[in-house]
Amino acid sequence: MKRNHEGLLKDMPVALMMGGPGKEREVSLRSGAAVSGALRKCGARVTEMDVTGPGFQLPEATRLVFNMIHGTFGEDGELQSLLDAQGVAYTGEGAEGSQTAFDKIATKACFERAGVPTCSWQIIRRGDSLDWKIPCVVKAPRQGSSVGVHLIHSPEDIPAALEDCFQYGDQVLVEEFFVGRELTVGIIGDQALPIVEIIPHEGFYDYEHKYTKGASEYRVPAPLASDLTEKIQSAALAACRSLALEVYSRVDILLAADGRLNVLEINTIPGMTETSLLPKAAAVAGLDFSALCEEIAGLSLSKKIP
């Protein structure tokens, strides 16, 4: 992948935000530490900020906020709205795109309208019964890193799963149980990166498998025929376009044995830890970690601030 923003960060004052108040706080701190080193390598003047809510003070002369807050507050549009109001540039998507992508129900609706391949789904609310063919999947719609995701294999699994999901909100997403290879596609601007195949050593790709070294195997690029690779990358790009996303993201997809695709969700602030998938794919495309961070910064600075 061609580097378009080499040298951009030299001497630039960058506020690196990480932490956050949500369930992904520890992962965010790890992502932030890795990105901090990469930005300094590019010559940026970095101020690290552990941010847990709206009561933050940006250093004077901040040119760019590099947002590494995964999940609540950082990925859901709230921080973006605050920075828009201050007229400060930040990495990643704007407030509206962030809010939509963070909500799995809103994302599903966008996929359906745009014809993006995704499995059947429904919404249940507090007090509703789960009237769905088992096995199925229930998800808290506004959490990341597989927090609040449960595979339902028998009716006995339902009460505890719903109790967990409803602690995060009044709606729960129920999805068809779709069996397939676990794939993810990084998107930088309008380019799809090499596909990553994820092979958990047991179970599914949950929080533990995401962030524990050695818990999963990764194949980059995924061993797929060229026409199937193109089909999957095209679906990932279509998913991003359906939400009007334009900077960077990571699209999670299941591939069935018969070739059907199930686009699951879009992560607008994907992990940037030593086990994270976007950096793995970027490296295969020719972008080392520092170059990846610089490309993200360059694309983000090209956005218009409202």
Protein backbone atom coordinates (compact mmCIF):
# COMPACT_ATOMS: atom_id res chain seq x y z
CA MET A 1 0.00 0.00 0.00
CA LYS A 2 1.33 3.43 -0.97
CA ARG A 3 2.26 5.87 1.77
CA ASN A 4 0.55 9.20 1.16
CA HIS A 5 1.33 11.06 4.37
CA GLU A 6 4.98 10.32 5.12
CA GLY A 7 6.54 13.05 7.26
CA LEU A 8 3.17 14.56 8.19
CA LEU A 9 3.57 14.11 11.95
CA LYS A 10 7.05 15.60 12.33
CA ASP A 11 6.93 18.22 15.13
CA MET A 12 3.10 18.07 15.22
CA PRO A 13 1.51 18.55 18.68
CA VAL A 14 -0.70 15.48 19.15
CA ALA A 15 -2.93 14.70 22.13
CA LEU A 16 -3.22 10.93 22.43
CA MET A 17 -6.45 10.01 24.22
CA MET A 18 -6.81 6.55 25.74
CA GLY A 19 -8.47 4.75 28.62
CA GLY A 20 -12.12 5.70 28.74
CA PRO A 21 -14.82 4.68 31.25
CA GLY A 22 -16.00 1.47 29.57
CA LYS A 23 -15.31 -2.25 29.61
CA GLU A 24 -12.50 -1.89 27.06
CA ARG A 25 -10.43 0.50 29.17
CA GLU A 26 -7.44 -1.81 29.70
CA VAL A 27 -7.27 -2.68 26.00
CA SER A 28 -7.44 1.02 25.16
CA LEU A 29 -4.50 1.77 27.45
CA ARG A 30 -2.48 -0.91 25.69
CA SER A 31 -3.45 0.42 22.27
CA GLY A 32 -2.55 3.93 23.40
CA ALA A 33 0.87 2.89 24.66
CA ALA A 34 1.68 1.22 21.34
CA VAL A 35 0.43 4.17 19.29
CA SER A 36 2.32 6.64 21.47
CA GLY A 37 5.60 4.96 20.60
CA ALA A 38 4.72 4.93 16.91
CA LEU A 39 3.79 8.62 16.87
CA ARG A 40 7.03 9.59 18.61
CA LYS A 41 8.93 7.53 16.05
CA CYS A 42 7.25 9.68 13.37
CA GLY A 43 8.48 12.82 15.15
CA ALA A 44 5.20 13.92 16.72
CA ARG A 45 5.17 15.83 20.00
CA VAL A 46 2.83 13.55 21.94
CA THR A 47 0.90 14.29 25.11
CA GLU A 48 -0.67 11.14 26.53
CA MET A 49 -4.08 11.66 28.15
CA ASP A 50 -5.94 9.07 30.23
CA VAL A 51 -9.49 10.29 29.63
CA THR A 52 -12.53 8.86 31.43
CA GLY A 53 -15.21 11.37 30.41
CA PRO A 54 -15.98 14.87 29.14
CA GLY A 55 -14.02 16.74 31.82
CA PHE A 56 -10.71 16.86 29.94
CA GLN A 57 -8.44 19.78 29.07
CA LEU A 58 -6.50 19.66 25.82
CA PRO A 59 -2.93 20.98 25.80
CA GLU A 60 -2.58 24.34 24.09
CA ALA A 61 -1.66 24.24 20.41
CA THR A 62 -2.98 20.68 19.97
CA ARG A 63 -3.19 20.10 16.22
CA LEU A 64 -4.69 16.62 16.33
CA VAL A 65 -6.36 14.35 18.87
CA PHE A 66 -5.36 10.75 18.21
CA ASN A 67 -8.32 8.86 19.66
CA MET A 68 -7.53 5.41 21.03
CA ILE A 69 -10.52 5.14 23.39
CA HIS A 70 -12.31 1.93 22.42
CA GLY A 71 -15.97 1.55 23.23
CA THR A 72 -17.98 3.81 25.51
CA PHE A 73 -17.34 7.57 25.19
CA GLY A 74 -14.52 7.27 22.64
CA GLU A 75 -16.11 5.18 19.90
CA ASP A 76 -19.79 6.01 20.26
CA GLY A 77 -19.81 9.61 18.97
CA GLU A 78 -19.76 11.40 22.33
CA LEU A 79 -16.09 12.41 22.26
CA GLN A 80 -16.36 13.26 18.58
CA SER A 81 -19.25 15.66 19.27
CA LEU A 82 -17.25 17.39 22.01
CA LEU A 83 -14.21 17.82 19.77
CA ASP A 84 -16.35 19.05 16.87
CA ALA A 85 -17.77 21.73 19.15
CA GLN A 86 -14.22 22.82 19.98
CA GLY A 87 -13.15 22.80 16.34
CA VAL A 88 -10.35 20.29 17.04
CA ALA A 89 -9.32 17.67 14.46
CA TYR A 90 -9.32 14.05 15.61
CA THR A 91 -8.62 10.64 14.16
CA GLY A 92 -11.32 8.34 12.91
CA GLU A 93 -14.90 8.90 11.91
CA GLY A 94 -17.13 11.85 12.74
CA ALA A 95 -19.81 11.88 15.41
CA GLU A 96 -22.66 10.56 13.26
CA GLY A 97 -20.72 7.71 11.66
CA SER A 98 -19.22 6.71 14.99
CA GLN A 99 -22.60 6.65 16.70
CA THR A 100 -24.18 4.52 13.98
CA ALA A 101 -21.31 2.02 13.72
CA PHE A 102 -21.17 1.62 17.50
CA ASP A 103 -24.83 0.58 17.59
CA LYS A 104 -25.13 -2.94 16.17
CA ILE A 105 -28.87 -2.52 15.59
CA ALA A 106 -28.46 0.73 13.64
CA THR A 107 -25.62 -0.89 11.70
CA LYS A 108 -27.79 -3.88 10.77
CA ALA A 109 -30.49 -1.54 9.46
CA CYS A 110 -27.92 0.26 7.27
CA PHE A 111 -26.63 -3.05 5.94
CA GLU A 112 -30.13 -4.18 5.00
CA ARG A 113 -30.98 -0.92 3.21
CA ALA A 114 -27.73 -1.10 1.20
CA GLY A 115 -27.95 -4.81 0.38
CA VAL A 116 -24.85 -5.70 2.39
CA PRO A 117 -24.94 -9.45 3.11
CA THR A 118 -25.82 -10.03 6.76
CA CYS A 119 -27.72 -12.72 8.66
CA SER A 120 -31.32 -12.50 9.87
CA TRP A 121 -31.92 -10.60 13.11
CA GLN A 122 -34.49 -9.10 15.43
CA ILE A 123 -34.70 -6.79 18.43
CA ILE A 124 -36.06 -7.80 21.82
CA ARG A 125 -36.81 -5.43 24.69
CA ARG A 126 -37.10 -5.86 28.43
CA GLY A 127 -40.03 -8.13 29.23
CA ASP A 128 -40.06 -9.78 25.79
CA SER A 129 -39.50 -13.50 25.50
CA LEU A 130 -36.85 -14.87 23.19
CA ASP A 131 -38.89 -16.49 20.42
CA TRP A 132 -36.09 -17.54 18.09
CA LYS A 133 -34.75 -20.79 16.73
CA ILE A 134 -31.97 -22.18 18.93
CA PRO A 135 -29.00 -22.05 18.54
CA CYS A 136 -28.81 -18.29 18.14
CA VAL A 137 -26.68 -15.35 19.24
CA VAL A 138 -27.70 -12.51 21.56
CA LYS A 139 -25.72 -9.30 21.76
CA ALA A 140 -25.69 -6.09 23.73
CA PRO A 141 -25.90 -3.68 20.79
CA ARG A 142 -23.60 -0.94 22.13
CA GLN A 143 -20.54 -2.81 23.38
CA GLY A 144 -17.29 -3.84 21.69
CA SER A 145 -14.58 -6.50 21.99
CA SER A 146 -17.26 -9.23 22.24
CA VAL A 147 -18.50 -7.81 25.57
CA GLY A 148 -22.14 -8.84 26.03
CA VAL A 149 -22.09 -11.50 23.28
CA HIS A 150 -23.60 -14.91 24.07
CA LEU A 151 -24.10 -18.07 22.05
CA ILE A 152 -27.41 -19.68 23.00
CA HIS A 153 -27.28 -23.46 22.65
CA SER A 154 -30.25 -24.39 24.85
CA PRO A 155 -33.21 -22.64 26.53
CA GLU A 156 -31.35 -22.86 29.84
CA ASP A 157 -28.74 -20.41 28.45
CA ILE A 158 -31.26 -17.65 27.83
CA PRO A 159 -31.94 -16.05 31.26
CA ALA A 160 -28.30 -15.41 32.19
CA ALA A 161 -27.45 -14.17 28.69
CA LEU A 162 -30.33 -11.69 28.62
CA GLU A 163 -29.60 -10.52 32.15
CA ASP A 164 -26.02 -9.74 31.10
CA CYS A 165 -27.08 -7.97 27.88
CA PHE A 166 -29.77 -5.86 29.52
CA GLN A 167 -27.32 -4.40 31.99
CA TYR A 168 -26.00 -2.37 29.04
CA GLY A 169 -29.34 -1.07 27.73
CA ASP A 170 -33.02 -1.71 27.07
CA GLN A 171 -32.63 -3.49 23.74
CA VAL A 172 -30.87 -6.72 22.76
CA LEU A 173 -29.95 -7.86 19.27
CA VAL A 174 -30.77 -11.47 18.41
CA GLU A 175 -29.10 -13.02 15.38
CA GLU A 176 -29.23 -16.24 13.44
CA PHE A 177 -26.49 -18.67 14.46
CA PHE A 178 -24.31 -18.47 11.35
CA VAL A 179 -21.47 -20.97 11.09
CA GLY A 180 -18.43 -19.90 9.11
CA ARG A 181 -14.78 -18.99 8.99
CA GLU A 182 -14.01 -15.88 11.02
CA LEU A 183 -12.52 -13.15 8.85
CA THR A 184 -11.79 -9.48 9.29
CA VAL A 185 -10.97 -6.81 6.71
CA GLY A 186 -9.13 -3.60 7.55
CA ILE A 187 -10.15 -0.52 5.59
CA ILE A 188 -7.88 2.50 5.13
CA GLY A 189 -9.65 5.26 3.23
CA ASP A 190 -11.10 3.56 0.17
CA GLN A 191 -8.72 0.60 0.19
CA ALA A 192 -9.30 -2.85 1.66
CA LEU A 193 -6.29 -4.45 3.33
CA PRO A 194 -5.41 -8.16 3.05
CA ILE A 195 -8.01 -10.35 4.75
CA VAL A 196 -7.16 -11.84 8.15
CA GLU A 197 -8.54 -15.25 9.10
CA ILE A 198 -8.95 -15.83 12.83
CA ILE A 199 -8.78 -19.35 14.23
CA PRO A 200 -9.51 -19.45 17.99
CA HIS A 201 -7.94 -22.48 19.64
CA GLU A 202 -11.32 -23.21 21.23
CA GLY A 203 -14.80 -21.69 21.31
CA PHE A 204 -15.37 -18.42 19.45
CA TYR A 205 -13.36 -15.21 19.13
CA ASP A 206 -14.38 -13.67 22.45
CA TYR A 207 -12.67 -11.06 24.65
CA GLU A 208 -10.14 -13.54 26.03
CA HIS A 209 -9.17 -14.84 22.59
CA LYS A 210 -8.83 -11.29 21.24
CA TYR A 211 -6.36 -10.08 23.85
CA THR A 212 -4.49 -13.16 25.08
CA LYS A 213 -1.29 -13.99 23.26
CA GLY A 214 -1.38 -17.50 21.82
CA ALA A 215 -5.15 -17.95 22.28
CA SER A 216 -5.83 -17.69 18.55
CA GLU A 217 -4.06 -18.32 15.28
CA TYR A 218 -4.07 -15.72 12.48
CA ARG A 219 -3.57 -16.20 8.77
CA VAL A 220 -2.65 -13.08 6.81
CA PRO A 221 -3.55 -13.03 4.03
CA ALA A 222 -6.33 -15.56 4.52
CA PRO A 223 -5.96 -18.60 2.25
CA LEU A 224 -8.80 -17.85 -0.16
CA ALA A 225 -9.24 -17.98 -3.93
CA SER A 226 -8.66 -14.61 -5.60
CA ASP A 227 -12.30 -14.20 -6.68
CA LEU A 228 -13.53 -14.95 -3.16
CA THR A 229 -10.98 -12.55 -1.69
CA GLU A 230 -12.28 -9.81 -3.98
CA LYS A 231 -15.88 -10.62 -3.06
CA ILE A 232 -15.15 -10.36 0.68
CA GLN A 233 -13.15 -7.14 0.35
CA SER A 234 -15.93 -5.64 -1.78
CA ALA A 235 -18.51 -6.55 0.87
CA ALA A 236 -16.36 -4.88 3.54
CA LEU A 237 -16.07 -1.69 1.49
CA ALA A 238 -19.83 -1.74 0.79
CA ALA A 239 -20.50 -2.08 4.52
CA CYS A 240 -18.40 1.02 5.23
CA ARG A 241 -20.10 2.97 2.44
CA SER A 242 -23.52 2.02 3.83
CA LEU A 243 -22.60 3.94 6.99
CA ALA A 244 -20.78 6.72 5.08
CA LEU A 245 -17.50 5.89 6.83
CA GLU A 246 -14.41 7.39 5.22
CA VAL A 247 -11.28 7.17 7.40
CA TYR A 248 -10.38 3.73 8.76
CA SER A 249 -12.12 0.74 10.29
CA ARG A 250 -12.14 -3.03 10.59
CA VAL A 251 -15.05 -5.07 9.25
CA ASP A 252 -15.83 -8.48 10.81
CA ILE A 253 -17.26 -11.12 8.45
CA LEU A 254 -18.22 -14.80 8.59
CA LEU A 255 -17.74 -16.97 5.51
CA ALA A 256 -19.99 -20.06 5.25
CA ALA A 257 -18.85 -23.26 3.56
CA ASP A 258 -21.23 -22.56 0.66
CA GLY A 259 -19.73 -19.10 0.06
CA ARG A 260 -22.43 -17.02 1.78
CA LEU A 261 -21.19 -13.99 3.71
CA ASN A 262 -22.42 -12.56 6.99
CA VAL A 263 -21.09 -9.08 7.65
CA LEU A 264 -21.26 -8.79 11.42
CA GLU A 265 -20.17 -5.30 12.39
CA ILE A 266 -17.74 -2.44 11.80
CA ASN A 267 -15.19 -1.31 14.38
CA THR A 268 -14.34 2.37 13.87
CA ILE A 269 -11.53 2.41 16.47
CA PRO A 270 -10.08 -1.07 16.08
CA GLY A 271 -7.46 -2.33 18.48
CA MET A 272 -3.85 -1.28 18.05
CA THR A 273 -2.21 -3.66 20.54
CA GLU A 274 0.53 -6.20 19.86
CA THR A 275 -2.15 -8.84 19.07
CA SER A 276 -4.47 -6.57 17.06
CA LEU A 277 -5.62 -7.43 13.57
CA LEU A 278 -5.51 -4.12 11.69
CA PRO A 279 -1.74 -3.71 12.21
CA LYS A 280 -1.19 -7.33 11.10
CA ALA A 281 -3.03 -6.71 7.82
CA ALA A 282 -1.37 -3.33 7.25
CA ALA A 283 2.09 -4.89 7.68
CA VAL A 284 1.33 -7.42 4.94
CA ALA A 285 0.19 -4.52 2.73
CA GLY A 286 3.53 -2.78 3.30
CA LEU A 287 2.64 -0.37 6.11
CA ASP A 288 4.60 -0.83 9.31
CA PHE A 289 3.00 0.26 12.56
CA SER A 290 4.33 3.83 12.49
CA ALA A 291 3.33 4.27 8.85
CA LEU A 292 -0.16 2.99 9.64
CA CYS A 293 -0.57 5.57 12.40
CA GLU A 294 0.66 8.30 10.07
CA GLU A 295 -1.80 7.29 7.34
CA ILE A 296 -4.65 7.34 9.87
CA ALA A 297 -3.59 10.83 10.98
CA GLY A 298 -3.35 12.10 7.41
CA LEU A 299 -6.75 10.77 6.36
CA SER A 300 -8.30 12.18 9.52
CA LEU A 301 -6.83 15.65 9.01
CA SER A 302 -8.32 15.74 5.53
CA LYS A 303 -11.84 15.58 7.03
CA LYS A 304 -13.82 18.77 7.29
CA ILE A 305 -14.59 19.89 10.84
CA PRO A 306 -18.22 21.09 11.14
